[in-house]
């Protein structure tokens, strides 16, 4: 398939408002049923099924079956990265009117975004844990290993290790890739942040404020 035709098909699949709502609701990395996604998309169950079939055909989402239920999630981080980029383009005349809780901290598929994510990204580089090419320095290996992140295992995953992911509310980079995902997993395990039940928002806990200030040397 010609590249221009392939791009056109993807743009058409994403561009329908109900399908866009479905895709962005899956940006938190969680899987959802067609019933849940139909409610998000504000369409009937039959229409939701048709939209999900189209998105699956274009390999924007994937489905897995558990018992009698079918669950849908984004195909992977590349799709999430493309959606995040589209959010930036859509807000070309940017006014920071993102809901406060989402802007403060949220998930971007499987890594940390929002003001908190951007601040941590900047500190990781200021502390020389990450090079300008997003390779880990010796200090970075030591710091992340001490936190409990298995660097060797993270580097062997079949995805980019670390990269700057443009944050759509801050218009600056937060940390994406396998390392970003590992750090978010760690932050949830240590209860530095708590997940919202019905959105991508994350809440920074008192423990998180104290531990992160000790970790990177700035208050949150």
Protein backbone atom coordinates (compact mmCIF):
# COMPACT_ATOMS: atom_id res chain seq x y z
CA UNK A 1 0.00 0.00 0.00
CA UNK A 2 1.24 3.48 -0.89
CA UNK A 3 2.27 5.55 2.10
CA UNK A 4 -0.13 8.39 1.24
CA UNK A 5 -3.06 5.96 1.05
CA UNK A 6 -2.06 4.27 4.31
CA UNK A 7 -1.84 7.63 6.08
CA UNK A 8 -5.20 8.65 4.66
CA UNK A 9 -6.83 5.46 5.95
CA UNK A 10 -5.40 5.96 9.43
CA UNK A 11 -6.41 9.61 9.50
CA UNK A 12 -9.93 8.68 8.45
CA UNK A 13 -10.16 6.02 11.14
CA UNK A 14 -8.99 8.39 13.86
CA UNK A 15 -10.85 11.40 12.51
CA UNK A 16 -14.41 10.27 13.22
CA UNK A 17 -15.35 11.93 16.58
CA UNK A 18 -16.75 8.80 18.23
CA UNK A 19 -13.68 6.77 17.26
CA UNK A 20 -11.41 9.56 18.50
CA UNK A 21 -13.20 9.51 21.87
CA UNK A 22 -12.69 5.75 22.05
CA UNK A 23 -8.98 6.03 21.29
CA UNK A 24 -8.32 8.82 23.76
CA UNK A 25 -10.21 6.97 26.50
CA UNK A 26 -7.71 4.12 26.06
CA UNK A 27 -4.71 6.41 26.49
CA UNK A 28 -4.49 5.46 30.17
CA UNK A 29 -3.29 2.00 29.16
CA UNK A 30 -6.36 0.21 30.53
CA UNK A 31 -8.52 -2.21 28.54
CA UNK A 32 -12.27 -1.65 28.32
CA UNK A 33 -15.33 -3.49 27.03
CA UNK A 34 -17.35 -2.44 24.01
CA UNK A 35 -20.19 -1.43 26.36
CA UNK A 36 -17.90 0.92 28.28
CA UNK A 37 -16.43 2.33 25.09
CA UNK A 38 -19.87 2.84 23.59
CA UNK A 39 -20.78 5.00 26.58
CA UNK A 40 -17.55 6.97 26.18
CA UNK A 41 -18.18 7.43 22.47
CA UNK A 42 -21.84 8.31 23.07
CA UNK A 43 -23.11 5.82 20.50
CA UNK A 44 -25.32 2.73 20.49
CA UNK A 45 -23.82 -0.72 21.17
CA UNK A 46 -24.12 -1.73 17.52
CA UNK A 47 -22.44 1.47 16.34
CA UNK A 48 -19.69 1.03 18.95
CA UNK A 49 -19.03 -2.47 17.62
CA UNK A 50 -18.68 -1.11 14.08
CA UNK A 51 -16.28 1.59 15.24
CA UNK A 52 -14.19 -0.93 17.18
CA UNK A 53 -14.01 -3.20 14.15
CA UNK A 54 -12.72 -0.31 12.03
CA UNK A 55 -10.10 0.63 14.60
CA UNK A 56 -8.99 -2.98 14.92
CA UNK A 57 -8.73 -3.33 11.13
CA UNK A 58 -6.41 -0.33 11.03
CA UNK A 59 -4.37 -1.85 13.90
CA UNK A 60 -5.02 1.07 16.20
CA UNK A 61 -6.52 -1.14 18.90
CA UNK A 62 -6.27 -4.79 19.88
CA UNK A 63 -8.76 -7.11 21.53
CA UNK A 64 -8.32 -9.96 23.96
CA UNK A 65 -10.95 -12.37 25.24
CA UNK A 66 -11.36 -13.33 28.86
CA UNK A 67 -14.22 -15.66 29.55
CA UNK A 68 -17.35 -14.18 28.00
CA UNK A 69 -15.90 -10.70 27.75
CA UNK A 70 -13.93 -8.96 25.02
CA UNK A 71 -11.58 -6.19 26.11
CA UNK A 72 -10.11 -3.49 23.89
CA UNK A 73 -6.89 -1.54 24.36
CA UNK A 74 -4.53 0.55 22.23
CA UNK A 75 -2.32 -1.49 19.93
CA UNK A 76 0.78 -0.14 21.64
CA UNK A 77 2.90 2.86 22.58
CA UNK A 78 3.36 3.99 18.97
CA UNK A 79 -0.38 4.59 18.69
CA UNK A 80 -0.37 6.46 22.00
CA UNK A 81 2.54 8.59 20.80
CA UNK A 82 0.69 9.46 17.59
CA UNK A 83 -2.45 10.42 19.52
CA UNK A 84 -0.43 12.60 21.89
CA UNK A 85 1.13 14.32 18.88
CA UNK A 86 -2.28 14.95 17.34
CA UNK A 87 -3.38 16.57 20.59
CA UNK A 88 -0.48 18.98 20.25
CA UNK A 89 -1.41 19.80 16.65
CA UNK A 90 -5.06 20.27 17.59
CA UNK A 91 -4.06 22.89 20.13
CA UNK A 92 -1.85 24.93 17.83
CA UNK A 93 -3.19 28.09 19.45
CA UNK A 94 -2.52 26.75 22.90
CA UNK A 95 -4.44 27.95 25.94
CA UNK A 96 -3.69 25.96 29.10
CA UNK A 97 -7.31 25.10 29.91
CA UNK A 98 -6.72 21.40 30.49
CA UNK A 99 -8.56 20.29 33.67
CA UNK A 100 -6.27 21.00 36.61
CA UNK A 101 -6.09 17.38 37.81
CA UNK A 102 -5.16 16.10 34.35
CA UNK A 103 -2.63 18.83 33.80
CA UNK A 104 -0.93 18.22 37.15
CA UNK A 105 -0.28 14.51 36.61
CA UNK A 106 -1.73 11.83 34.36
CA UNK A 107 -0.86 8.71 32.45
CA UNK A 108 0.23 8.90 28.82
CA UNK A 109 -0.49 5.29 27.89
CA UNK A 110 1.99 3.63 30.28
CA UNK A 111 4.21 6.50 31.40
CA UNK A 112 3.91 9.64 33.51
CA UNK A 113 2.77 12.90 31.94
CA UNK A 114 1.56 16.34 32.94
CA UNK A 115 3.44 18.89 35.03
CA UNK A 116 4.85 16.19 37.29
CA UNK A 117 6.10 14.13 34.37
CA UNK A 118 7.77 17.14 32.75
CA UNK A 119 9.42 18.19 36.03
CA UNK A 120 10.84 14.71 36.58
CA UNK A 121 12.09 14.51 32.99
CA UNK A 122 13.93 17.80 33.43
CA UNK A 123 15.47 16.72 36.73
CA UNK A 124 16.63 13.38 35.33
CA UNK A 125 18.60 15.29 32.74
CA UNK A 126 19.78 18.03 35.12
CA UNK A 127 21.13 15.34 37.47
CA UNK A 128 22.90 13.74 34.48
CA UNK A 129 21.02 10.48 34.82
CA UNK A 130 20.03 10.73 31.16
CA UNK A 131 22.23 11.96 28.35
CA UNK A 132 20.98 14.32 25.63
CA UNK A 133 20.47 11.19 23.48
CA UNK A 134 18.39 9.56 26.24
CA UNK A 135 21.01 6.98 27.09
CA UNK A 136 21.50 6.22 30.76
CA UNK A 137 24.71 7.56 32.29
CA UNK A 138 26.60 5.64 34.94
CA UNK A 139 24.92 7.86 37.54
CA UNK A 140 21.56 7.09 35.98
CA UNK A 141 22.12 3.34 36.05
CA UNK A 142 23.05 3.56 39.71
CA UNK A 143 20.11 5.84 40.62
CA UNK A 144 17.39 3.87 38.83
CA UNK A 145 18.81 0.53 39.99
CA UNK A 146 18.83 1.77 43.58
CA UNK A 147 15.14 2.67 43.17
CA UNK A 148 14.39 -0.90 42.19
CA UNK A 149 14.21 -0.69 38.38
CA UNK A 150 15.84 -3.63 36.60
CA UNK A 151 17.76 -1.71 33.93
CA UNK A 152 19.03 -4.76 32.08
CA UNK A 153 15.54 -6.25 31.78
CA UNK A 154 14.09 -2.89 30.76
CA UNK A 155 16.71 -2.47 28.01
CA UNK A 156 15.89 -5.87 26.51
CA UNK A 157 12.20 -5.09 25.97
CA UNK A 158 11.12 -4.87 22.34
CA UNK A 159 10.52 -1.12 22.40
CA UNK A 160 12.49 2.10 22.59
CA UNK A 161 14.28 2.38 25.90
CA UNK A 162 13.78 6.11 26.49
CA UNK A 163 12.75 9.12 24.42
CA UNK A 164 11.23 12.60 24.85
CA UNK A 165 7.43 12.39 24.52
CA UNK A 166 5.90 15.81 23.82
CA UNK A 167 3.39 16.61 26.55
CA UNK A 168 0.17 18.03 25.10
CA UNK A 169 -0.76 20.14 28.13
CA UNK A 170 2.74 21.41 28.98
CA UNK A 171 4.12 21.59 25.42
CA UNK A 172 7.40 20.20 26.71
CA UNK A 173 8.83 16.69 26.95
CA UNK A 174 8.11 14.06 29.53
CA UNK A 175 9.90 10.69 29.65
CA UNK A 176 8.52 8.03 27.34
CA UNK A 177 9.61 4.52 26.43
CA UNK A 178 10.37 1.45 28.50
CA UNK A 179 12.18 3.49 31.16
CA UNK A 180 9.25 5.87 31.52
CA UNK A 181 6.88 2.93 31.87
CA UNK A 182 9.12 1.31 34.47
CA UNK A 183 9.25 4.53 36.48
CA UNK A 184 5.45 4.93 36.47
CA UNK A 185 5.05 1.30 37.56
CA UNK A 186 7.49 1.99 40.39
CA UNK A 187 5.68 5.19 41.39
CA UNK A 188 2.38 3.30 41.61
CA UNK A 189 3.94 0.45 43.56
CA UNK A 190 5.50 2.84 46.06
CA UNK A 191 2.22 4.80 46.20
CA UNK A 192 3.90 8.02 45.16
CA UNK A 193 0.91 8.49 42.88
CA UNK A 194 -2.59 7.02 42.88
CA UNK A 195 -4.70 6.32 39.80
CA UNK A 196 -8.06 7.97 39.32
CA UNK A 197 -10.89 5.49 38.89
CA UNK A 198 -12.53 7.20 35.93
CA UNK A 199 -9.87 9.24 34.13
CA UNK A 200 -6.17 9.36 33.29
CA UNK A 201 -5.51 11.65 36.25
CA UNK A 202 -2.95 10.71 38.88
CA UNK A 203 -2.86 12.10 42.42
CA UNK A 204 0.50 12.84 43.99
CA UNK A 205 0.45 11.57 47.58
CA UNK A 206 2.12 13.12 50.60
CA UNK A 207 4.58 10.23 50.59
CA UNK A 208 5.21 10.87 46.92
CA UNK A 209 5.99 14.54 47.54
CA UNK A 210 8.47 13.69 50.28
CA UNK A 211 10.15 10.80 48.48
CA UNK A 212 10.41 12.58 45.14
CA UNK A 213 11.83 15.72 46.73
CA UNK A 214 14.49 13.57 48.39
CA UNK A 215 15.10 11.72 45.12
CA UNK A 216 15.56 14.65 42.74
CA UNK A 217 16.12 17.59 45.07
CA UNK A 218 13.19 19.85 44.25
CA UNK A 219 9.81 20.30 45.99
CA UNK A 220 6.58 19.15 44.34
